[in-house]
Amino acid sequence: MTAKIQLAIGIDEEASDVKITRSKDGDTSVAVFIFESPNCMTGADAGNNEILGMYMIDEEGEMVTRNVNAKFINGKSAGIEAIHKLNGQNEWERFLRFMNRYAEANGMSLNKA
């Protein structure tokens, strides 16, 4: 199974950018996903899609965050930002395994600050 992200169930998305920060002690981490032109907000069915969260799906299962914010400029979609908070080493390692699979499937690479 290929790693994928969905904002509306059944509609695969490609993140425009992902920013990850981690506390010095490694206890908490935050990943911010940016979707500039999400598939769920474009096309003929855009008004009918229900966005209840961001679903990160791969062979290990599914991770979900409900912290998803749509942006609009002059009444038109300007993208979506989703924030996924991670607590502890186990969640961090699981997230990294997903991101490695997702990056490989979508031609993304890591740029360290």
N, C-alpha and C. Protein backbone atom coordinates (compact mmCIF):
# COMPACT_ATOMS: atom_id res chain seq x y z
N MET A 1 0.84 -1.19 0.00
CA MET A 1 0.00 0.00 0.00
C MET A 1 0.88 1.24 0.00
N THR A 2 0.52 2.18 -0.83
CA THR A 2 1.24 3.45 -0.90
C THR A 2 0.74 4.38 0.20
N ALA A 3 1.64 5.11 0.82
CA ALA A 3 1.26 6.08 1.85
C ALA A 3 0.49 7.22 1.19
N LYS A 4 -0.60 7.64 1.82
CA LYS A 4 -1.41 8.71 1.25
C LYS A 4 -2.01 9.56 2.36
N ILE A 5 -2.38 10.77 1.96
CA ILE A 5 -3.05 11.70 2.86
C ILE A 5 -4.39 12.05 2.24
N GLN A 6 -5.42 12.05 3.08
CA GLN A 6 -6.76 12.45 2.64
C GLN A 6 -7.32 13.47 3.61
N LEU A 7 -7.95 14.51 3.06
CA LEU A 7 -8.65 15.50 3.87
C LEU A 7 -10.15 15.20 3.85
N ALA A 8 -10.63 14.73 2.74
CA ALA A 8 -11.99 14.23 2.61
C ALA A 8 -11.85 12.75 2.25
N ILE A 9 -12.62 11.89 2.88
CA ILE A 9 -12.48 10.46 2.70
C ILE A 9 -12.58 10.09 1.22
N GLY A 10 -11.57 9.33 0.77
CA GLY A 10 -11.56 8.84 -0.61
C GLY A 10 -10.88 9.74 -1.61
N ILE A 11 -10.43 10.94 -1.19
CA ILE A 11 -9.77 11.87 -2.12
C ILE A 11 -8.33 12.07 -1.66
N ASP A 12 -7.40 11.53 -2.43
CA ASP A 12 -5.98 11.63 -2.08
C ASP A 12 -5.47 13.05 -2.34
N GLU A 13 -4.58 13.49 -1.46
CA GLU A 13 -4.01 14.84 -1.55
C GLU A 13 -2.49 14.77 -1.61
N GLU A 14 -1.89 15.82 -2.13
CA GLU A 14 -0.44 15.95 -2.11
C GLU A 14 -0.09 17.24 -1.38
N ALA A 15 0.65 17.11 -0.30
CA ALA A 15 1.04 18.28 0.49
C ALA A 15 2.00 19.15 -0.31
N SER A 16 1.79 20.46 -0.26
CA SER A 16 2.70 21.40 -0.92
C SER A 16 3.95 21.59 -0.09
N ASP A 17 3.79 21.50 1.24
CA ASP A 17 4.91 21.70 2.16
C ASP A 17 4.58 21.04 3.49
N VAL A 18 5.61 20.56 4.17
CA VAL A 18 5.46 20.00 5.51
C VAL A 18 6.60 20.56 6.36
N LYS A 19 6.24 21.17 7.49
CA LYS A 19 7.24 21.72 8.40
C LYS A 19 7.13 20.98 9.72
N ILE A 20 8.27 20.47 10.19
CA ILE A 20 8.28 19.67 11.41
C ILE A 20 9.20 20.33 12.44
N THR A 21 8.68 20.48 13.66
CA THR A 21 9.50 20.99 14.76
C THR A 21 9.42 19.98 15.90
N ARG A 22 10.50 19.93 16.69
CA ARG A 22 10.56 18.99 17.80
C ARG A 22 11.19 19.69 19.00
N SER A 23 10.65 19.45 20.17
CA SER A 23 11.20 20.05 21.38
C SER A 23 12.58 19.48 21.65
N LYS A 24 13.38 20.22 22.40
CA LYS A 24 14.75 19.78 22.70
C LYS A 24 14.79 18.45 23.44
N ASP A 25 13.81 18.24 24.32
CA ASP A 25 13.79 16.99 25.08
C ASP A 25 13.15 15.84 24.29
N GLY A 26 12.59 16.13 23.12
CA GLY A 26 12.02 15.10 22.26
C GLY A 26 10.64 14.64 22.68
N ASP A 27 10.06 15.27 23.71
CA ASP A 27 8.75 14.85 24.20
C ASP A 27 7.60 15.24 23.28
N THR A 28 7.69 16.41 22.68
CA THR A 28 6.60 16.88 21.82
C THR A 28 7.15 17.34 20.47
N SER A 29 6.35 17.10 19.46
CA SER A 29 6.69 17.50 18.09
C SER A 29 5.42 17.99 17.42
N VAL A 30 5.61 18.84 16.42
CA VAL A 30 4.48 19.37 15.66
C VAL A 30 4.83 19.31 14.18
N ALA A 31 3.91 18.79 13.39
CA ALA A 31 4.06 18.77 11.94
C ALA A 31 2.94 19.62 11.35
N VAL A 32 3.32 20.59 10.52
CA VAL A 32 2.35 21.47 9.87
C VAL A 32 2.35 21.14 8.38
N PHE A 33 1.21 20.71 7.87
CA PHE A 33 1.05 20.36 6.47
C PHE A 33 0.32 21.49 5.75
N ILE A 34 0.85 21.90 4.60
CA ILE A 34 0.22 22.94 3.79
C ILE A 34 -0.25 22.29 2.48
N PHE A 35 -1.50 22.55 2.13
CA PHE A 35 -2.07 22.09 0.87
C PHE A 35 -2.53 23.34 0.12
N GLU A 36 -1.79 23.74 -0.92
CA GLU A 36 -2.11 24.99 -1.63
C GLU A 36 -3.37 24.87 -2.48
N SER A 37 -3.52 23.77 -3.18
CA SER A 37 -4.70 23.53 -4.03
C SER A 37 -5.21 22.13 -3.79
N PRO A 38 -5.82 21.88 -2.63
CA PRO A 38 -6.25 20.52 -2.32
C PRO A 38 -7.33 20.03 -3.29
N ASN A 39 -7.23 18.76 -3.65
CA ASN A 39 -8.19 18.15 -4.57
C ASN A 39 -9.61 18.20 -4.02
N CYS A 40 -9.76 18.14 -2.70
CA CYS A 40 -11.09 18.14 -2.10
C CYS A 40 -11.80 19.49 -2.21
N MET A 41 -11.04 20.55 -2.55
CA MET A 41 -11.65 21.89 -2.67
C MET A 41 -11.68 22.39 -4.11
N THR A 42 -11.32 21.52 -5.05
CA THR A 42 -11.36 21.90 -6.46
C THR A 42 -12.20 20.88 -7.21
N GLY A 43 -12.61 21.20 -8.39
CA GLY A 43 -13.40 20.28 -9.20
C GLY A 43 -14.89 20.41 -8.96
N ALA A 44 -15.63 19.61 -9.66
CA ALA A 44 -17.09 19.70 -9.67
C ALA A 44 -17.73 19.36 -8.33
N ASP A 45 -17.15 18.43 -7.59
CA ASP A 45 -17.74 17.98 -6.32
C ASP A 45 -17.21 18.72 -5.10
N ALA A 46 -16.44 19.78 -5.30
CA ALA A 46 -15.77 20.46 -4.19
C ALA A 46 -16.73 20.89 -3.10
N GLY A 47 -17.89 21.38 -3.43
CA GLY A 47 -18.84 21.84 -2.43
C GLY A 47 -19.49 20.73 -1.63
N ASN A 48 -19.39 19.50 -2.11
CA ASN A 48 -20.03 18.37 -1.44
C ASN A 48 -19.08 17.58 -0.54
N ASN A 49 -17.80 17.90 -0.58
CA ASN A 49 -16.81 17.15 0.20
C ASN A 49 -16.80 17.62 1.65
N GLU A 50 -16.83 16.67 2.55
CA GLU A 50 -16.82 16.97 3.98
C GLU A 50 -15.42 16.73 4.53
N ILE A 51 -14.78 17.78 5.03
CA ILE A 51 -13.44 17.68 5.59
C ILE A 51 -13.57 17.61 7.11
N LEU A 52 -13.28 16.43 7.65
CA LEU A 52 -13.41 16.22 9.09
C LEU A 52 -12.07 16.09 9.78
N GLY A 53 -10.99 16.10 9.00
CA GLY A 53 -9.66 15.95 9.56
C GLY A 53 -8.67 15.65 8.46
N MET A 54 -7.44 15.37 8.86
CA MET A 54 -6.42 14.92 7.92
C MET A 54 -6.09 13.49 8.30
N TYR A 55 -6.21 12.60 7.31
CA TYR A 55 -5.99 11.18 7.50
C TYR A 55 -4.69 10.78 6.81
N MET A 56 -3.74 10.27 7.58
CA MET A 56 -2.47 9.79 7.04
C MET A 56 -2.54 8.26 7.06
N ILE A 57 -2.58 7.66 5.87
CA ILE A 57 -2.87 6.24 5.73
C ILE A 57 -1.69 5.53 5.07
N ASP A 58 -1.26 4.44 5.69
CA ASP A 58 -0.22 3.61 5.08
C ASP A 58 -0.42 2.17 5.52
N GLU A 59 0.56 1.32 5.25
CA GLU A 59 0.44 -0.11 5.54
C GLU A 59 0.32 -0.41 7.02
N GLU A 60 0.73 0.52 7.89
CA GLU A 60 0.63 0.30 9.34
C GLU A 60 -0.73 0.71 9.90
N GLY A 61 -1.51 1.43 9.11
CA GLY A 61 -2.81 1.89 9.59
C GLY A 61 -3.06 3.34 9.27
N GLU A 62 -3.70 4.03 10.20
CA GLU A 62 -4.13 5.41 9.96
C GLU A 62 -3.83 6.28 11.17
N MET A 63 -3.32 7.48 10.90
CA MET A 63 -3.16 8.50 11.93
C MET A 63 -4.09 9.65 11.53
N VAL A 64 -4.72 10.27 12.51
CA VAL A 64 -5.70 11.31 12.22
C VAL A 64 -5.44 12.53 13.08
N THR A 65 -5.59 13.70 12.47
CA THR A 65 -5.63 14.94 13.23
C THR A 65 -6.90 15.69 12.83
N ARG A 66 -7.53 16.31 13.79
CA ARG A 66 -8.74 17.10 13.53
C ARG A 66 -8.42 18.59 13.43
N ASN A 67 -7.16 18.95 13.64
CA ASN A 67 -6.74 20.35 13.61
C ASN A 67 -6.46 20.76 12.15
N VAL A 68 -7.53 21.05 11.42
CA VAL A 68 -7.46 21.39 10.00
C VAL A 68 -8.17 22.72 9.78
N ASN A 69 -7.48 23.65 9.10
CA ASN A 69 -8.03 24.98 8.86
C ASN A 69 -7.98 25.32 7.38
N ALA A 70 -9.14 25.67 6.82
CA ALA A 70 -9.20 26.11 5.43
C ALA A 70 -8.98 27.61 5.38
N LYS A 71 -8.32 28.08 4.33
CA LYS A 71 -8.08 29.50 4.14
C LYS A 71 -8.83 29.96 2.89
N PHE A 72 -9.45 31.13 3.00
CA PHE A 72 -10.18 31.70 1.87
C PHE A 72 -9.76 33.15 1.68
N ILE A 73 -9.63 33.55 0.43
CA ILE A 73 -9.35 34.94 0.08
C ILE A 73 -10.42 35.39 -0.90
N ASN A 74 -11.15 36.44 -0.53
CA ASN A 74 -12.26 36.94 -1.35
C ASN A 74 -13.25 35.83 -1.69
N GLY A 75 -13.52 34.96 -0.75
CA GLY A 75 -14.50 33.90 -0.94
C GLY A 75 -14.02 32.71 -1.73
N LYS A 76 -12.76 32.70 -2.13
CA LYS A 76 -12.22 31.58 -2.90
C LYS A 76 -11.18 30.82 -2.08
N SER A 77 -11.14 29.52 -2.29
CA SER A 77 -10.21 28.67 -1.56
C SER A 77 -8.78 29.11 -1.78
N ALA A 78 -8.04 29.24 -0.66
CA ALA A 78 -6.62 29.61 -0.73
C ALA A 78 -5.77 28.54 -0.06
N GLY A 79 -6.34 27.35 0.14
CA GLY A 79 -5.57 26.25 0.69
C GLY A 79 -6.03 25.78 2.05
N ILE A 80 -5.33 24.77 2.53
CA ILE A 80 -5.64 24.17 3.82
C ILE A 80 -4.35 23.97 4.60
N GLU A 81 -4.42 24.20 5.91
CA GLU A 81 -3.31 23.94 6.81
C GLU A 81 -3.79 22.92 7.84
N ALA A 82 -3.01 21.86 8.02
CA ALA A 82 -3.34 20.83 9.02
C ALA A 82 -2.17 20.71 9.98
N ILE A 83 -2.48 20.64 11.27
CA ILE A 83 -1.45 20.55 12.30
C ILE A 83 -1.60 19.22 13.04
N HIS A 84 -0.51 18.46 13.04
CA HIS A 84 -0.50 17.15 13.70
C HIS A 84 0.49 17.20 14.85
N LYS A 85 0.00 17.02 16.08
CA LYS A 85 0.85 17.04 17.27
C LYS A 85 1.22 15.63 17.65
N LEU A 86 2.49 15.45 18.02
CA LEU A 86 3.01 14.14 18.39
C LEU A 86 3.55 14.20 19.81
N ASN A 87 3.22 13.20 20.59
CA ASN A 87 3.70 13.13 21.97
C ASN A 87 4.49 11.85 22.17
N GLY A 88 5.73 11.99 22.58
CA GLY A 88 6.55 10.83 22.91
C GLY A 88 7.29 10.23 21.73
N GLN A 89 8.20 9.35 22.06
CA GLN A 89 9.08 8.73 21.07
C GLN A 89 8.33 7.79 20.13
N ASN A 90 7.37 7.02 20.64
CA ASN A 90 6.64 6.07 19.79
C ASN A 90 5.86 6.78 18.69
N GLU A 91 5.14 7.85 19.04
CA GLU A 91 4.40 8.61 18.03
C GLU A 91 5.35 9.24 17.02
N TRP A 92 6.49 9.74 17.48
CA TRP A 92 7.48 10.36 16.61
C TRP A 92 8.01 9.35 15.59
N GLU A 93 8.39 8.16 16.08
CA GLU A 93 8.93 7.13 15.19
C GLU A 93 7.88 6.65 14.19
N ARG A 94 6.65 6.49 14.63
CA ARG A 94 5.56 6.09 13.72
C ARG A 94 5.36 7.15 12.64
N PHE A 95 5.36 8.41 13.04
CA PHE A 95 5.18 9.51 12.09
C PHE A 95 6.33 9.53 11.07
N LEU A 96 7.56 9.34 11.53
CA LEU A 96 8.70 9.33 10.60
C LEU A 96 8.61 8.19 9.60
N ARG A 97 8.14 7.02 10.04
CA ARG A 97 7.97 5.91 9.09
C ARG A 97 6.93 6.27 8.03
N PHE A 98 5.83 6.89 8.46
CA PHE A 98 4.81 7.33 7.50
C PHE A 98 5.40 8.35 6.54
N MET A 99 6.09 9.36 7.07
CA MET A 99 6.62 10.43 6.22
C MET A 99 7.64 9.91 5.22
N ASN A 100 8.45 8.95 5.62
CA ASN A 100 9.40 8.35 4.67
C ASN A 100 8.65 7.69 3.52
N ARG A 101 7.60 6.96 3.82
CA ARG A 101 6.80 6.31 2.77
C ARG A 101 6.09 7.35 1.91
N TYR A 102 5.53 8.37 2.56
CA TYR A 102 4.80 9.41 1.83
C TYR A 102 5.74 10.21 0.93
N ALA A 103 6.91 10.56 1.45
CA ALA A 103 7.90 11.32 0.67
C ALA A 103 8.35 10.52 -0.54
N GLU A 104 8.59 9.25 -0.35
CA GLU A 104 9.03 8.40 -1.46
C GLU A 104 7.94 8.30 -2.53
N ALA A 105 6.69 8.18 -2.10
CA ALA A 105 5.58 8.04 -3.05
C ALA A 105 5.28 9.35 -3.80
N ASN A 106 5.67 10.50 -3.22
CA ASN A 106 5.31 11.78 -3.80
C ASN A 106 6.51 12.64 -4.22
N GLY A 107 7.69 12.06 -4.25
CA GLY A 107 8.87 12.79 -4.72
C GLY A 107 9.27 13.95 -3.84
N MET A 108 9.07 13.82 -2.53
CA MET A 108 9.44 14.88 -1.60
C MET A 108 10.82 14.58 -1.02
N SER A 109 11.48 15.62 -0.49
CA SER A 109 12.78 15.43 0.15
C SER A 109 12.85 16.28 1.40
N LEU A 110 13.82 15.98 2.26
CA LEU A 110 14.01 16.68 3.52
C LEU A 110 15.01 17.82 3.34
N ASN A 111 14.64 19.01 3.80
CA ASN A 111 15.55 20.15 3.84
C ASN A 111 15.67 20.57 5.29
N LYS A 112 16.85 20.39 5.88
CA LYS A 112 17.03 20.77 7.27
C LYS A 112 17.28 22.26 7.38
N ALA A 113 16.74 22.85 8.47
CA ALA A 113 16.88 24.28 8.70
C ALA A 113 18.29 24.63 9.11
